[in-house]
Structures are given as C-alpha cells and as structure tokens.
Protein backbone atom coordinates (compact mmCIF):
# COMPACT_ATOMS: atom_id res chain seq x y z
CA MET A 1 18.68 112.25 127.73
CA VAL A 2 16.37 109.84 125.91
CA ARG A 3 19.33 107.71 124.82
CA LYS A 4 20.59 107.48 128.42
CA ILE A 5 17.17 106.35 129.65
CA ILE A 6 16.95 103.66 126.97
CA ILE A 7 20.48 102.42 127.73
CA ALA A 8 19.58 102.26 131.43
CA ALA A 9 16.44 100.26 130.59
CA ILE A 10 18.45 97.84 128.44
CA CYS A 11 20.96 97.33 131.25
CA ILE A 12 18.23 96.69 133.81
CA THR A 13 16.61 94.03 131.62
CA THR A 14 19.76 91.88 131.87
CA LEU A 15 19.00 91.08 135.50
CA PRO A 16 15.55 89.49 135.02
CA ILE A 17 16.87 87.69 131.93
CA ALA A 18 19.62 86.17 134.08
CA VAL A 19 17.25 85.26 136.92
CA PHE A 20 14.71 83.76 134.52
CA SER A 21 17.46 81.50 133.16
CA VAL A 22 17.86 79.69 136.50
CA GLN A 23 14.45 80.06 138.13
CA GLN A 24 13.42 76.57 136.96
CA PHE A 25 16.40 75.07 138.81
CA THR A 26 16.06 76.91 142.12
CA ALA A 27 14.62 75.27 145.19
CA VAL A 28 12.58 78.43 145.84
CA LYS A 29 10.00 79.52 143.26
CA ILE A 30 10.76 82.95 141.78
CA GLY A 31 7.61 84.57 140.41
CA GLY A 32 4.71 83.12 138.43
CA THR A 33 3.88 82.87 134.75
CA GLY A 34 1.99 86.18 134.64
CA LEU A 35 4.85 88.10 136.23
CA TRP A 36 7.47 86.63 133.90
CA TRP A 37 5.32 87.28 130.84
CA ALA A 38 5.05 90.92 131.88
CA ILE A 39 8.83 91.14 132.36
CA GLU A 40 9.54 89.44 129.03
CA PHE A 41 7.08 91.73 127.24
CA PHE A 42 8.74 94.78 128.80
CA THR A 43 12.17 93.48 127.76
CA ILE A 44 11.14 92.97 124.12
CA ALA A 45 9.43 96.39 124.08
CA VAL A 46 12.61 98.07 125.34
CA PHE A 47 14.67 96.42 122.60
CA VAL A 48 12.14 97.39 119.92
CA VAL A 49 12.38 101.05 120.94
CA ALA A 50 16.17 100.80 121.25
CA ALA A 51 16.43 99.28 117.77
CA PHE A 52 14.99 102.45 116.24
CA VAL A 53 17.24 104.71 118.33
CA PHE A 54 20.58 102.89 118.01
CA GLY A 55 20.27 100.31 115.29
CA THR A 56 20.16 101.98 111.89
CA LYS A 57 23.84 102.84 111.45
CA GLU A 58 25.56 100.06 113.34
CA VAL A 59 24.10 97.00 111.63
CA LYS A 60 23.69 98.49 108.15
CA LYS A 61 25.59 95.62 106.50
CA GLY A 62 23.48 92.99 108.24
CA GLN A 63 20.22 94.90 108.49
CA ILE A 64 18.49 93.16 105.59
CA VAL A 65 19.19 89.61 106.75
CA LEU A 66 18.33 90.51 110.35
CA MET A 67 15.11 92.22 109.35
CA LEU A 68 14.06 89.32 107.12
CA PHE A 69 14.77 86.86 109.93
CA LEU A 70 12.76 88.84 112.49
CA LEU A 71 9.90 89.51 110.08
CA TYR A 72 9.68 85.80 109.37
CA MET A 73 9.65 85.10 113.11
CA VAL A 74 6.74 87.55 113.49
CA PHE A 75 4.96 85.83 110.59
CA SER A 76 5.49 82.42 112.22
CA ILE A 77 4.20 83.69 115.56
CA PHE A 78 1.13 85.16 113.82
CA ARG A 79 0.51 81.76 112.19
CA GLY A 80 0.62 80.26 115.64
CA PHE A 81 -2.64 81.92 116.65
CA PHE A 82 -4.39 79.96 113.90
CA LYS A 83 -2.51 76.73 114.55
CA ALA A 84 -3.13 76.69 118.33
CA GLU A 85 -5.94 74.39 119.44
CA ASN A 86 -5.98 74.53 123.23
CA TYR A 87 -4.67 76.31 126.33
CA TRP A 88 -1.26 74.61 126.17
CA ASP A 89 -0.77 75.66 122.56
CA TYR A 90 -1.45 79.32 123.30
CA LYS A 91 0.74 79.25 126.40
CA GLY A 92 3.55 77.63 124.43
CA LEU A 93 3.13 80.18 121.65
CA VAL A 94 3.62 83.08 124.05
CA ASN A 95 6.65 81.47 125.69
CA ASN A 96 8.29 80.69 122.37
CA ALA A 97 7.47 84.09 120.90
CA PHE A 98 9.56 85.92 123.49
CA GLY A 99 12.59 83.76 122.71
CA LEU A 100 12.22 84.11 118.95
CA LEU A 101 11.92 87.90 119.19
CA LEU A 102 14.87 88.38 121.58
CA PRO A 103 17.38 88.77 118.67
CA ILE A 104 15.89 92.21 118.05
CA ALA A 105 18.31 93.21 120.83
CA ILE A 106 21.12 92.88 118.27
CA PHE A 107 20.15 96.18 116.63
CA ALA A 108 20.73 98.16 119.82
CA ILE A 109 23.60 96.22 121.37
CA ALA A 110 25.62 96.51 118.15
CA ASP A 111 26.43 100.04 119.32
CA LYS A 112 29.76 99.54 121.10
CA ASN A 113 28.83 102.04 123.83
CA VAL A 114 25.53 100.32 124.55
CA LEU A 115 27.26 96.92 124.66
CA GLN A 116 29.91 98.27 127.01
CA SER A 117 27.21 99.67 129.32
CA VAL A 118 25.30 96.37 129.34
CA LEU A 119 28.39 94.33 130.23
CA SER A 120 29.50 96.87 132.84
CA PHE A 121 26.07 96.76 134.48
CA PHE A 122 26.13 92.97 134.61
CA VAL A 123 29.60 92.91 136.17
CA ARG A 124 28.60 95.43 138.83
CA TYR A 125 25.07 94.36 139.66
CA GLY A 126 24.48 91.03 137.98
CA LEU A 127 27.33 89.35 139.85
CA LEU A 128 26.18 90.95 143.09
CA LEU A 129 22.64 89.64 142.58
CA ALA A 130 24.10 86.23 141.76
CA LEU A 131 24.93 85.58 145.41
CA PRO A 132 21.33 85.24 146.75
CA ILE A 133 20.05 83.73 143.49
CA LEU A 134 22.64 81.00 142.97
CA ILE A 135 23.07 79.81 146.57
CA PRO A 136 19.77 77.81 146.52
CA THR A 137 20.52 76.66 142.95
CA PRO A 138 22.46 73.48 142.01
CA ILE A 139 25.99 74.44 140.96
CA GLY A 140 25.48 72.73 137.60
CA ALA A 141 22.91 75.41 136.73
CA TRP A 142 25.04 78.42 137.64
CA GLY A 143 26.40 78.69 134.13
CA TRP A 144 22.95 79.63 132.78
CA TYR A 145 23.05 82.81 134.84
CA LEU A 146 26.70 83.62 134.21
CA PHE A 147 26.89 83.26 130.41
CA PRO A 148 28.17 86.85 129.86
CA ILE A 149 31.36 85.70 131.60
CA ASN A 150 32.30 83.43 128.69
CA PHE A 151 31.87 86.52 126.50
CA LEU A 152 34.19 88.59 128.69
CA ILE A 153 36.79 85.79 128.80
CA LEU A 154 37.59 86.55 125.16
CA PHE A 155 38.89 89.97 126.27
CA LEU A 156 41.14 88.50 128.97
CA PRO A 157 44.41 89.76 127.38
CA ALA A 158 43.14 93.35 127.57
CA LEU A 159 42.17 93.29 131.25
CA LYS A 160 44.01 94.07 134.46
CA ASN A 161 45.11 91.20 136.68
CA GLN A 162 42.37 91.54 139.31
CA TRP A 163 39.69 91.34 136.63
CA LYS A 164 41.42 88.39 135.01
CA VAL A 165 41.40 86.55 138.35
CA LEU A 166 37.66 87.22 138.78
CA LEU A 167 36.75 85.88 135.32
CA ILE A 168 39.05 82.86 135.58
CA ALA A 169 37.71 81.98 139.05
CA ILE A 170 34.10 82.06 137.82
CA THR A 171 35.04 79.97 134.79
CA ILE A 172 36.72 77.35 136.98
CA ILE A 173 33.71 77.15 139.31
CA VAL A 174 31.23 76.76 136.45
CA THR A 175 33.26 74.16 134.54
CA THR A 176 34.38 72.01 137.49
CA GLY A 177 31.36 72.34 139.77
CA ASP A 178 29.39 69.72 137.84
CA ILE A 179 31.22 68.20 134.87
CA SER A 180 28.11 66.26 133.87
CA THR A 181 26.79 69.58 132.56
CA ARG A 182 28.60 69.00 129.27
CA SER A 183 27.22 72.13 127.63
CA HIS A 184 28.72 74.50 130.19
CA LEU A 185 32.02 72.67 130.06
CA ILE A 186 32.16 73.28 126.30
CA LYS A 187 30.82 76.83 126.18
CA TYR A 188 33.10 78.16 128.91
CA LEU A 189 36.30 76.35 127.93
CA ILE A 190 36.27 76.98 124.19
CA PRO A 191 36.73 80.78 124.65
CA VAL A 192 39.77 79.97 126.81
CA LEU A 193 41.20 77.80 124.04
CA LEU A 194 40.51 80.48 121.43
CA LEU A 195 42.68 82.91 123.38
CA SER A 196 45.67 80.98 122.02
CA LEU A 197 44.95 82.72 118.70
CA TYR A 198 45.68 86.01 120.44
CA TYR A 199 48.77 84.97 122.38
CA PHE A 200 50.36 83.17 119.40
CA ARG A 201 49.20 85.61 116.74
CA PHE A 202 52.78 86.51 115.78
CA PHE A 203 53.69 82.86 115.16
CA ILE A 204 50.58 81.54 113.41
CA ALA A 205 48.43 82.64 110.46
CA THR A 206 45.56 83.96 112.56
CA ASP A 207 43.56 85.38 109.64
CA GLU A 208 43.70 82.11 107.72
CA ILE A 209 42.82 80.06 110.81
CA THR A 210 39.79 82.19 111.66
CA GLN A 211 38.58 82.24 108.04
CA ILE A 212 38.93 78.49 107.53
CA GLY A 213 37.65 77.68 111.03
CA THR A 214 34.57 79.82 110.54
CA LYS A 215 33.70 78.15 107.23
CA VAL A 216 34.16 74.69 108.73
CA LEU A 217 31.89 75.49 111.68
CA MET A 218 29.24 77.06 109.45
CA PHE A 219 29.03 74.20 106.93
CA ALA A 220 30.16 71.09 108.85
CA PRO A 221 26.79 70.66 110.65
CA TRP A 222 25.01 70.35 107.30
CA ILE A 223 27.43 67.63 106.19
CA LEU A 224 27.19 65.79 109.51
CA PHE A 225 23.40 66.00 109.32
CA VAL A 226 23.38 64.32 105.90
CA LEU A 227 25.81 61.65 107.12
CA GLY A 228 23.62 61.03 110.15
CA VAL A 229 20.36 60.79 108.19
CA THR A 230 21.90 58.43 105.66
CA GLY A 231 23.32 56.23 108.42
CA VAL A 232 26.96 56.71 107.42
CA PHE A 233 28.14 58.41 110.63
CA ASN A 234 26.29 59.75 113.67
CA VAL A 235 28.38 62.31 115.55
CA PHE A 236 26.07 62.13 118.58
CA ARG A 237 26.86 58.46 119.26
CA MET A 238 30.12 59.23 120.98
CA ASN A 239 30.31 55.85 122.69
CA GLU A 240 30.93 54.32 119.25
CA TYR A 241 34.16 56.26 118.65
CA ILE A 242 35.20 57.18 122.22
CA LYS A 243 36.28 53.93 123.85
CA ALA A 244 36.27 55.01 127.48
CA ASN A 245 33.91 55.10 130.42
CA TYR A 246 33.18 58.70 131.38
CA THR A 247 30.66 59.02 134.21
CA ALA A 248 29.93 61.86 136.59
CA GLU A 249 27.67 62.52 139.53
CA THR A 250 25.12 65.34 139.28
CA THR A 251 22.74 66.86 141.80
CA ASN A 252 19.31 68.06 140.71
CA ALA A 253 17.12 70.79 142.22
CA GLN A 254 15.64 68.27 144.66
CA GLY A 255 19.08 67.40 145.99
CA GLU A 256 19.10 63.93 144.43
CA VAL A 257 22.52 62.64 143.33
CA LYS A 258 22.55 60.68 140.09
CA LYS A 259 25.27 59.13 137.93
CA GLN A 260 25.40 60.12 134.27
CA ASP A 261 27.35 58.79 131.30
CA ILE A 262 28.92 61.87 129.67
CA THR A 263 29.21 60.11 126.28
CA ASN A 264 25.52 59.18 126.26
CA ASP A 265 23.65 60.06 123.04
CA SER A 266 20.85 62.42 124.07
CA ARG A 267 20.23 64.16 120.73
CA THR A 268 19.63 61.64 117.93
CA PHE A 269 16.05 60.89 119.00
CA MET A 270 15.17 64.61 118.77
CA TYR A 271 16.09 64.72 115.09
CA GLU A 272 14.31 61.44 114.44
CA GLU A 273 11.13 62.69 116.11
CA ALA A 274 11.26 66.11 114.42
CA LEU A 275 11.74 64.60 110.94
CA GLN A 276 9.14 61.87 111.43
CA SER A 277 6.63 64.41 112.73
CA ALA A 278 7.27 66.76 109.78
CA LYS A 279 6.77 63.87 107.37
CA LYS A 280 3.55 62.78 109.06
CA TYR A 281 1.95 66.25 109.17
CA ASP A 282 3.72 67.71 106.10
CA TYR A 283 5.07 70.99 107.49
CA TRP A 284 8.57 70.92 105.98
CA LEU A 285 8.61 74.39 104.45
CA LEU A 286 6.91 76.76 106.93
CA GLY A 287 6.94 74.63 110.04
CA ARG A 288 4.16 73.94 112.48
CA SER A 289 4.36 77.43 114.08
CA PRO A 290 5.76 78.21 117.55
CA ALA A 291 2.42 77.12 119.04
CA ARG A 292 3.03 73.48 118.27
CA GLY A 293 5.78 70.95 118.79
CA ASN A 294 6.83 67.68 117.22
CA GLU A 295 5.33 64.32 118.10
CA THR A 296 7.41 62.47 120.66
CA PHE A 297 7.70 58.85 121.64
CA VAL A 298 10.45 59.18 124.23
CA PHE A 299 8.40 61.66 126.30
CA ALA A 300 4.98 60.45 125.16
CA ASP A 301 3.71 59.45 128.62
CA ALA A 302 4.78 62.71 130.25
CA MET A 303 3.24 64.83 127.48
CA LEU A 304 -0.01 62.85 127.51
CA GLU A 305 -0.33 63.45 131.23
CA ILE A 306 0.21 67.21 130.90
CA THR A 307 -1.37 68.21 127.59
CA GLY A 308 -3.28 65.13 126.46
CA ARG A 309 -1.12 64.81 123.32
CA ARG A 310 2.16 63.10 122.47
CA GLU A 311 3.63 66.43 121.46
CA ARG A 312 6.82 68.02 122.77
CA LEU A 313 6.83 71.79 122.33
CA ARG A 314 10.57 72.36 122.77
CA ASN A 315 13.67 70.18 122.47
CA GLU A 316 17.07 70.82 124.04
CA ALA A 317 18.66 71.22 120.59
CA GLY A 318 17.87 74.43 118.72
CA ILE A 319 17.73 73.25 115.10
CA PRO A 320 14.89 70.71 115.64
CA ASN A 321 12.98 73.54 117.34
CA PHE A 322 13.51 76.11 114.58
CA PHE A 323 12.64 73.46 112.01
CA THR A 324 9.45 72.42 113.80
CA TRP A 325 8.33 75.99 114.50
CA THR A 326 9.45 77.79 111.34
CA GLY A 327 10.31 75.08 108.82
CA ILE A 328 13.24 74.90 106.43
CA ILE A 329 12.78 78.60 105.63
CA GLY A 330 13.28 79.58 109.28
CA VAL A 331 16.40 77.42 109.63
CA MET A 332 17.90 78.99 106.50
CA PHE A 333 17.17 82.53 107.72
CA TYR A 334 18.85 81.70 111.02
CA PHE A 335 21.85 80.28 109.16
CA PHE A 336 22.24 83.41 107.02
CA VAL A 337 22.18 85.66 110.11
CA PHE A 338 25.14 83.74 111.53
CA TYR A 339 26.88 83.50 108.18
CA ARG A 340 26.71 87.24 107.52
CA ALA A 341 27.74 88.11 111.08
CA THR A 342 30.76 85.81 111.12
CA TYR A 343 31.83 86.90 107.64
CA LEU A 344 31.90 90.55 108.70
CA ALA A 345 33.75 89.80 111.94
CA VAL A 346 36.44 87.65 110.35
CA ASN A 347 36.94 89.48 107.05
CA LYS A 348 35.93 93.11 107.70
CA SER A 349 37.48 93.96 111.06
CA ASN A 350 40.50 95.91 112.20
CA ASN A 351 41.24 94.01 115.42
CA ILE A 352 42.01 90.42 116.37
CA TYR A 353 39.26 90.33 118.99
CA SER A 354 36.56 90.64 116.31
CA LYS A 355 38.09 87.76 114.38
CA ILE A 356 38.18 85.49 117.44
CA ILE A 357 34.63 86.46 118.36
CA GLY A 358 33.55 85.74 114.78
CA LEU A 359 35.03 82.25 115.07
CA TYR A 360 33.30 81.63 118.40
CA THR A 361 30.01 82.93 116.95
CA ALA A 362 30.37 80.36 114.17
CA PHE A 363 30.82 77.75 116.89
CA HIS A 364 27.47 78.83 118.37
CA TRP A 365 25.79 78.19 115.02
CA ALA A 366 27.28 74.70 114.99
CA TYR A 367 26.30 74.18 118.62
CA THR A 368 22.70 75.13 117.87
CA TRP A 369 22.49 71.67 116.32
CA VAL A 370 23.34 70.29 119.76
CA GLU A 371 21.79 72.80 122.18
CA ASN A 372 20.95 76.56 122.17
CA ASN A 373 17.23 75.82 122.08
CA GLY A 374 16.11 79.38 121.34
CA ALA A 375 14.32 79.94 124.64
CA PHE A 376 14.13 83.35 126.28
CA GLY A 377 17.05 83.53 128.70
CA MET A 378 20.68 84.47 129.21
CA ASN A 379 21.98 81.83 126.81
CA THR A 380 20.02 83.28 123.88
CA PHE A 381 20.80 86.82 125.02
CA THR A 382 24.54 86.12 125.14
CA ILE A 383 24.42 84.68 121.62
CA CYS A 384 22.80 87.97 120.62
CA LEU A 385 25.80 89.74 122.17
CA TYR A 386 28.15 87.75 119.92
CA LEU A 387 26.06 88.44 116.83
CA ALA A 388 25.78 92.12 117.73
CA ILE A 389 29.52 92.59 118.12
CA CYS A 390 30.06 90.87 114.77
CA PHE A 391 27.62 93.25 113.06
CA SER A 392 28.93 96.29 114.95
CA ALA A 393 30.67 98.67 112.56
CA SER A 394 32.05 100.79 115.41
CA PHE A 395 33.57 97.77 117.18
CA ARG A 396 35.07 96.22 114.06
CA LYS A 397 36.63 99.55 113.14
CA MET A 398 38.63 99.77 116.38
CA ASN A 399 42.25 98.61 116.48
CA ASN A 400 43.64 96.30 119.18
CA LEU A 401 44.64 99.16 121.49
CA GLU A 402 41.22 100.80 121.23
CA VAL A 403 39.53 97.48 122.02
CA LYS A 404 41.79 97.15 125.05
CA MET A 405 40.60 100.52 126.36
CA TRP A 406 37.00 99.60 125.53
CA ALA A 407 37.24 96.28 127.41
CA ARG A 408 38.80 97.94 130.45
CA GLY A 409 35.96 100.46 130.37
CA ILE A 410 33.60 97.61 131.26
CA PHE A 411 35.26 97.36 134.67
CA SER A 412 36.38 100.95 135.26
CA LYS A 413 34.70 104.21 134.21
CA LYS A 414 37.99 106.08 133.97
CA TYR A 415 38.75 104.21 130.74
CA VAL A 416 35.37 105.21 129.34
CA LYS A 417 36.15 108.85 130.07
CA TYR A 418 39.60 108.48 128.54
CA MET A 419 38.17 106.98 125.33
CA ARG A 420 35.56 109.72 125.01
CA TYR A 421 38.18 112.39 125.54
CA SER A 422 40.48 110.80 122.96
CA GLU A 423 37.72 110.43 120.37
CA LYS A 424 36.58 114.01 120.89
CA ASN A 425 40.14 115.36 120.78
CA ILE A 426 40.97 113.47 117.57
CA ALA A 427 37.70 114.47 115.95
CA THR A 428 38.32 118.18 116.58
CA THR A 429 42.01 118.11 115.67
CA PHE A 430 41.99 116.16 112.41
CA THR A 431 39.84 116.46 109.31
CA PRO A 432 38.96 113.14 107.62
CA LEU A 433 40.54 112.77 104.19
CA LYS A 434 38.57 111.84 101.09
CA LYS A 435 40.86 108.92 100.33
CA LEU A 436 39.80 107.24 103.58
CA SER A 437 36.26 106.76 102.33
CA LEU A 438 37.17 103.37 100.85
CA ASP A 439 38.48 102.17 104.20
CA GLU A 440 35.37 103.49 105.89
CA LYS A 441 33.28 101.40 103.53
CA ILE A 442 35.03 98.25 104.71
CA TYR A 443 33.85 98.62 108.28
CA THR A 444 30.38 100.17 107.92
C-alpha cells in the first residue's frame, strides 16, 4: 500500500514539473515564486522518500557514484549559505538547489515498474493537461513540456500503430513549429535517427557502434574544449565551417516575430566569461557555490539593473553552470555519473533498447556542454529518466520481447497485467539454477 502511494505521488509530480518548464514562456502567469518553491520542495521530498523505498537494489552498480555526486551537490548548496551576500543570492541558491537535487529521482525511477507508471501517467494526463497549458504558449516552447515524448520515441518499434502515430505527430509539431529552436530540433530528431540501429540491427554491428559511439560522445567534448581554449578550432562558430545562410523566424511570448541566424555562435562567450571569472576570483576547484554566478560582460547592463552586480547566475549551457557552482570536482562527478550509466547500458544489457538509450544518454552528456543547464524542469527530469533506465538492473535484464511488452504497458494496462502474470507464473514454475548466478551478476 505504501509503495502504491509513493508511486502515485511520483507520477503526480510530473505534471507540475512539466508546467514549470513552460510557465516562463506563457502569456498568462502561472503561480508565484512561493507556490513553485513549495511544489519543488514537495517534489524533492517525494523522491527522497522513494529513493529509500525503491532505490537500493536497482542502482546498486551505480549507487556509489550517484551518492557521491548528490552528497557533493548537498555540500555545494550548504556552502552557498555562506557565500550568499544579498537577497538575490539566497533566491538563486534556492532555485538552483532544486535543480541540482532533482537527480535523486534516479534512485526511484530506476525501478522499471515505477518508470512505466510515470510514463503511463504522463501519456494519459500530461498530454491532456498540455492542451490548456500550451495553447497560450509560443509553439517554440512546447518541446520543454513534451520532453518525455523524445524518450518514448526510442520505443517506437515496440508500439502499436496508433501510438506510433501519436508520438510521430507530436515530434513533427515540436521540430517544425519553430525551427529556430535549434535545441528541440536536435533533441527530438536524434532519437528518430538512432532508431536505425534497431531496424538495421541484423545488417550492422550494433554493439560495436553503440560502444564506440558512446566513448566518442563521452570524451569528444573534452577534446573540443581544449581545442577551443587553445584557439585551434571552435565548434560553436558554425558560420566558419558551414558556408550557408540559415535564418528562421521565431515568435516570442509577447507575440513579436524576429529573424534569427541558426548558425549564430551563442555559446563561446559563456565559456569565456566562466573561465575569466574563475581566474579572477580563484574558485577553480570547488566553484563559487550555487548561490553565485560568473561575471558577465554580455549581460552586464541587465544584471546591474536587477541585482546591482555584473553577475549572471545561470547560463544556457550546463557545463559552465556546474563549473561555476561546483568547480572542477562537480563537473567530474557529473561526468562519472554519465560514464557509469552509459557503460552499464551499452555493455551490461540484454536488449537493444538499453544500448540505444545508453548511446543517447551519452549524447546528453555531450549536449550539456551546449545546453541542459541543470535547472529544475522537464528537461532535467527527462535526462534523469535516461540515466535511471541505464542504471536499472531490472530493465537491462529484460530481452527485446519483454521490453516490447513493457513499452506497450505504458499505453495499455492489459500488457502490464500480462507481464505480471507471466513473471509470477515463471517464478512459481521454475527454480533458478546455481549456474545462472554469474549471468545475474552481469545485470545487477
């Protein structure tokens, strides 16, 4: 009974997380700071309780790295209370703390049944709530609310046609509604491209591709960072190696239509400001705490007007944020969480879905150098879903057919009942053999 209540609470939290992700873009204000802080606190509290109930067994292989990461986040947040100097610092500390603590959800969601319930709840009620929430919201912002869809797209081969049509339709709307939103275009289309690994799995070396691809995505950002800092090659300056004029019109929350160059470099200055600020105030190792940001010159006037300081609390790219808030140590902890998760998914799984998800999770690490700013919201929560499924022993242990039934159970309860009946029937009919203990070790 207690487990059912906790699962229900976890499912319910997905709705305010989704709404919070788009409330800054809506024409109508949805709640105030106090209300959202209360909701975010409740959400984190639910996941803390759920971590103790569901988390011990499922993430055993990744528990140490996850625990160290979260403990360091708590330490950094605690430091923030001593680093904060004014109202804006304390407010920023609270806002950032919720985002940094959200990965605690991984412990609970790594249980395949909990994850299935969360996704099923979002499909049934999250999409229904999307209608009144997204109508007054610019179409370019819809993707923030609908991020679980790019997770479900990876299970497209396992789903029935009507569910495939629903997911594909949403993906088309999000990616073509406003192509100037480059991030959504990338995040929603890459899962579609990765499906080729499933459909051509009998003709290509899928295991080798996922293993090599994961390593490239995990380590390439470090190499590109060094090349960028040394002035050899800057990957963000696309207009230097893409000789074409790509512009698009975008509409903001005020209804204003503006033209935007899609190849425009909007990230280099963030790294320059973060590194220069760290050098000036000498906080390389531990960071400046989540209460403080890096000095900015690009947004200096705006920050001076609001806070009285040329300090930007959060950038659009995640790595400059983690570096500024938690230092090199925090960035390394974050890297090892992704590295361990993707390693387990690609090398210690019994189904192709885990391997593809592991590869896409590695992409999210790489993309944290571009976006994924670590804020509390559906983007961060969906990344937690990817990490959770990589750590999940019960999910990785399933074969392709079992994953198919599991994925269909997200949309129809009859498949959930069938899986439970099958598991119970097999468990009571067969006695596990001693020689299987080695195989069991691989997945747990």
